[in-house]
Amino acid sequence: MAKSSHLILCVDDELVGLRVRKMLLERAGYRVLTAIDGTSGLEIFKNEPVEAVVLDYSMPGMHGGQVASLMRQVKPKIPILLLSAYIGLPAEVTSLVDLYMTKGEGAPILLNKLASLLQPASAP
């Protein structure tokens, strides 16, 4: 469970998936903003104190790699979790994000990966 209500941005052009993810994350204690395409996702990312991004790869107009690249230019320290239906995205895409998972991996893995991105860096 999320210890504090981190603000998460979910970007996905599939409305059903976006709604399900929003409900899942809110039940886990997160506050969630949503965007249905890369352009609106970037606007929200620039204007809100987002603490992490859950980003779909395959979207019309601008794919997740392009969105991640632009987000890195604005706020390079914000963690990005890239979701995709595809296995084995090109390195130039996965190198732009902190974590990558396929949509088929399921909700518990999504929550675990997101929580790991939001952990304060622990000293060894």
C-alpha atoms as a PDB file:
ATOM      1  CA  MET A   1       0.000   0.000   0.000  1.00  0.00           C
ATOM      2  CA  ALA A   2       1.128   3.543  -0.673  1.00  0.00           C
ATOM      3  CA  LYS A   3       2.245   5.145   2.573  1.00  0.00           C
ATOM      4  CA  SER A   4       1.380   8.643   1.398  1.00  0.00           C
ATOM      5  CA  SER A   5      -0.847   9.714  -1.421  1.00  0.00           C
ATOM      6  CA  HIS A   6       1.679  10.146  -4.209  1.00  0.00           C
ATOM      7  CA  LEU A   7       0.369  11.886  -7.325  1.00  0.00           C
ATOM      8  CA  ILE A   8       0.580   9.555 -10.323  1.00  0.00           C
ATOM      9  CA  LEU A   9      -0.071  10.426 -13.969  1.00  0.00           C
ATOM     10  CA  CYS A  10      -1.460   7.624 -16.160  1.00  0.00           C
ATOM     11  CA  VAL A  11      -1.318   8.132 -19.927  1.00  0.00           C
ATOM     12  CA  ASP A  12      -3.139   5.636 -22.180  1.00  0.00           C
ATOM     13  CA  ASP A  13      -5.335   6.010 -25.256  1.00  0.00           C
ATOM     14  CA  GLU A  14      -7.429   2.974 -24.241  1.00  0.00           C
ATOM     15  CA  LEU A  15     -10.140   4.407 -21.985  1.00  0.00           C
ATOM     16  CA  VAL A  16     -11.090   1.100 -20.358  1.00  0.00           C
ATOM     17  CA  GLY A  17      -7.488   0.323 -19.414  1.00  0.00           C
ATOM     18  CA  LEU A  18      -7.006   3.874 -18.165  1.00  0.00           C
ATOM     19  CA  ARG A  19     -10.119   3.703 -15.945  1.00  0.00           C
ATOM     20  CA  VAL A  20      -9.156   0.298 -14.544  1.00  0.00           C
ATOM     21  CA  ARG A  21      -5.621   1.489 -13.776  1.00  0.00           C
ATOM     22  CA  LYS A  22      -6.945   4.667 -12.122  1.00  0.00           C
ATOM     23  CA  MET A  23      -9.267   2.613  -9.868  1.00  0.00           C
ATOM     24  CA  LEU A  24      -6.480   0.158  -9.029  1.00  0.00           C
ATOM     25  CA  LEU A  25      -4.045   2.922  -8.081  1.00  0.00           C
ATOM     26  CA  GLU A  26      -6.639   4.894  -6.108  1.00  0.00           C
ATOM     27  CA  ARG A  27      -7.548   1.761  -4.133  1.00  0.00           C
ATOM     28  CA  ALA A  28      -3.840   1.386  -3.354  1.00  0.00           C
ATOM     29  CA  GLY A  29      -3.844   4.909  -1.898  1.00  0.00           C
ATOM     30  CA  TYR A  30      -2.478   6.984  -4.776  1.00  0.00           C
ATOM     31  CA  ARG A  31      -3.954  10.165  -6.216  1.00  0.00           C
ATOM     32  CA  VAL A  32      -4.274   9.734  -9.984  1.00  0.00           C
ATOM     33  CA  LEU A  33      -4.444  12.090 -12.953  1.00  0.00           C
ATOM     34  CA  THR A  34      -5.222  10.640 -16.372  1.00  0.00           C
ATOM     35  CA  ALA A  35      -4.585  11.624 -19.981  1.00  0.00           C
ATOM     36  CA  ILE A  36      -5.807   9.904 -23.144  1.00  0.00           C
ATOM     37  CA  ASP A  37      -2.875  10.898 -25.350  1.00  0.00           C
ATOM     38  CA  GLY A  38       0.726  12.042 -25.199  1.00  0.00           C
ATOM     39  CA  THR A  39      -0.037  15.710 -25.826  1.00  0.00           C
ATOM     40  CA  SER A  40      -2.487  16.062 -22.927  1.00  0.00           C
ATOM     41  CA  GLY A  41      -0.211  13.873 -20.783  1.00  0.00           C
ATOM     42  CA  LEU A  42       2.671  16.287 -21.367  1.00  0.00           C
ATOM     43  CA  GLU A  43       0.479  19.282 -20.461  1.00  0.00           C
ATOM     44  CA  ILE A  44      -0.543  17.674 -17.151  1.00  0.00           C
ATOM     45  CA  PHE A  45       3.065  16.570 -16.522  1.00  0.00           C
ATOM     46  CA  LYS A  46       4.318  20.155 -16.971  1.00  0.00           C
ATOM     47  CA  ASN A  47       1.602  21.778 -14.857  1.00  0.00           C
ATOM     48  CA  GLU A  48       1.023  19.366 -11.962  1.00  0.00           C
ATOM     49  CA  PRO A  49       3.344  18.116  -9.173  1.00  0.00           C
ATOM     50  CA  VAL A  50       3.349  14.576 -10.579  1.00  0.00           C
ATOM     51  CA  GLU A  51       5.600  12.145  -8.676  1.00  0.00           C
ATOM     52  CA  ALA A  52       5.566   9.244 -11.156  1.00  0.00           C
ATOM     53  CA  VAL A  53       4.164   8.383 -14.589  1.00  0.00           C
ATOM     54  CA  VAL A  54       2.542   5.168 -15.830  1.00  0.00           C
ATOM     55  CA  LEU A  55       2.812   5.514 -19.592  1.00  0.00           C
ATOM     56  CA  ASP A  56       1.380   3.371 -22.386  1.00  0.00           C
ATOM     57  CA  TYR A  57       3.720   2.703 -25.303  1.00  0.00           C
ATOM     58  CA  SER A  58       1.373   2.238 -28.226  1.00  0.00           C
ATOM     59  CA  MET A  59      -0.692   5.385 -28.760  1.00  0.00           C
ATOM     60  CA  PRO A  60      -1.750   7.255 -31.903  1.00  0.00           C
ATOM     61  CA  GLY A  61       0.134  10.448 -32.705  1.00  0.00           C
ATOM     62  CA  MET A  62       2.984  10.126 -30.238  1.00  0.00           C
ATOM     63  CA  HIS A  63       4.144   6.773 -28.840  1.00  0.00           C
ATOM     64  CA  GLY A  64       5.291   6.330 -25.261  1.00  0.00           C
ATOM     65  CA  GLY A  65       8.973   6.622 -26.155  1.00  0.00           C
ATOM     66  CA  GLN A  66       8.439  10.070 -27.669  1.00  0.00           C
ATOM     67  CA  VAL A  67       6.352  11.158 -24.679  1.00  0.00           C
ATOM     68  CA  ALA A  68       8.992   9.856 -22.229  1.00  0.00           C
ATOM     69  CA  SER A  69      11.735  11.708 -24.112  1.00  0.00           C
ATOM     70  CA  LEU A  70       9.838  15.008 -23.852  1.00  0.00           C
ATOM     71  CA  MET A  71       9.004  14.381 -20.169  1.00  0.00           C
ATOM     72  CA  ARG A  72      12.712  13.807 -19.446  1.00  0.00           C
ATOM     73  CA  GLN A  73      13.479  17.250 -20.912  1.00  0.00           C
ATOM     74  CA  VAL A  74      10.955  18.898 -18.567  1.00  0.00           C
ATOM     75  CA  LYS A  75      11.438  16.980 -15.297  1.00  0.00           C
ATOM     76  CA  PRO A  76      14.294  14.471 -15.688  1.00  0.00           C
ATOM     77  CA  LYS A  77      14.045  13.042 -12.142  1.00  0.00           C
ATOM     78  CA  ILE A  78      10.378  11.926 -12.276  1.00  0.00           C
ATOM     79  CA  PRO A  79      10.213   8.109 -12.585  1.00  0.00           C
ATOM     80  CA  ILE A  80       8.429   6.673 -15.615  1.00  0.00           C
ATOM     81  CA  LEU A  81       6.943   3.166 -15.796  1.00  0.00           C
ATOM     82  CA  LEU A  82       6.283   2.189 -19.406  1.00  0.00           C
ATOM     83  CA  LEU A  83       3.475  -0.269 -20.154  1.00  0.00           C
ATOM     84  CA  SER A  84       3.198  -2.117 -23.413  1.00  0.00           C
ATOM     85  CA  ALA A  85       1.312  -4.977 -24.984  1.00  0.00           C
ATOM     86  CA  TYR A  86       4.561  -5.735 -26.819  1.00  0.00           C
ATOM     87  CA  ILE A  87       7.501  -7.704 -25.461  1.00  0.00           C
ATOM     88  CA  GLY A  88      10.963  -6.487 -26.364  1.00  0.00           C
ATOM     89  CA  LEU A  89      10.734  -2.789 -27.125  1.00  0.00           C
ATOM     90  CA  PRO A  90      13.815  -1.187 -28.708  1.00  0.00           C
ATOM     91  CA  ALA A  91      16.610  -0.073 -26.370  1.00  0.00           C
ATOM     92  CA  GLU A  92      16.240   3.551 -27.466  1.00  0.00           C
ATOM     93  CA  VAL A  93      12.750   3.443 -25.947  1.00  0.00           C
ATOM     94  CA  THR A  94      13.429   1.426 -22.782  1.00  0.00           C
ATOM     95  CA  SER A  95      16.522   3.550 -22.020  1.00  0.00           C
ATOM     96  CA  LEU A  96      14.216   6.575 -21.584  1.00  0.00           C
ATOM     97  CA  VAL A  97      12.173   5.033 -18.778  1.00  0.00           C
ATOM     98  CA  ASP A  98      12.926   3.709 -15.304  1.00  0.00           C
ATOM     99  CA  LEU A  99      10.951   0.471 -15.597  1.00  0.00           C
ATOM    100  CA  TYR A 100       9.139  -1.380 -18.349  1.00  0.00           C
ATOM    101  CA  MET A 101       6.481  -4.082 -18.111  1.00  0.00           C
ATOM    102  CA  THR A 102       3.966  -5.730 -20.379  1.00  0.00           C
ATOM    103  CA  LYS A 103       0.262  -5.162 -19.762  1.00  0.00           C
ATOM    104  CA  GLY A 104      -0.214  -8.907 -19.290  1.00  0.00           C
ATOM    105  CA  GLU A 105       1.916  -8.985 -16.139  1.00  0.00           C
ATOM    106  CA  GLY A 106      -1.054  -7.855 -14.056  1.00  0.00           C
ATOM    107  CA  ALA A 107      -2.034  -5.492 -11.276  1.00  0.00           C
ATOM    108  CA  PRO A 108       0.128  -6.810  -8.378  1.00  0.00           C
ATOM    109  CA  ILE A 109       3.286  -6.447 -10.464  1.00  0.00           C
ATOM    110  CA  LEU A 110       2.264  -2.950 -11.594  1.00  0.00           C
ATOM    111  CA  LEU A 111       1.733  -1.902  -7.966  1.00  0.00           C
ATOM    112  CA  ASN A 112       5.052  -3.442  -6.859  1.00  0.00           C
ATOM    113  CA  LYS A 113       7.013  -1.780  -9.658  1.00  0.00           C
ATOM    114  CA  LEU A 114       5.377   1.583  -9.052  1.00  0.00           C
ATOM    115  CA  ALA A 115       6.055   1.353  -5.307  1.00  0.00           C
ATOM    116  CA  SER A 116       9.710   0.541  -6.021  1.00  0.00           C
ATOM    117  CA  LEU A 117      10.013   3.680  -8.176  1.00  0.00           C
ATOM    118  CA  LEU A 118       8.633   5.833  -5.357  1.00  0.00           C
ATOM    119  CA  GLN A 119      10.933   4.432  -2.650  1.00  0.00           C
ATOM    120  CA  PRO A 120      13.439   6.959  -1.389  1.00  0.00           C
ATOM    121  CA  ALA A 121      16.914   5.889  -2.469  1.00  0.00           C
ATOM    122  CA  SER A 122      18.271   3.869   0.427  1.00  0.00           C
ATOM    123  CA  ALA A 123      21.916   4.098   1.336  1.00  0.00           C
ATOM    124  CA  PRO A 124      23.813   0.781   1.087  1.00  0.00           C
END
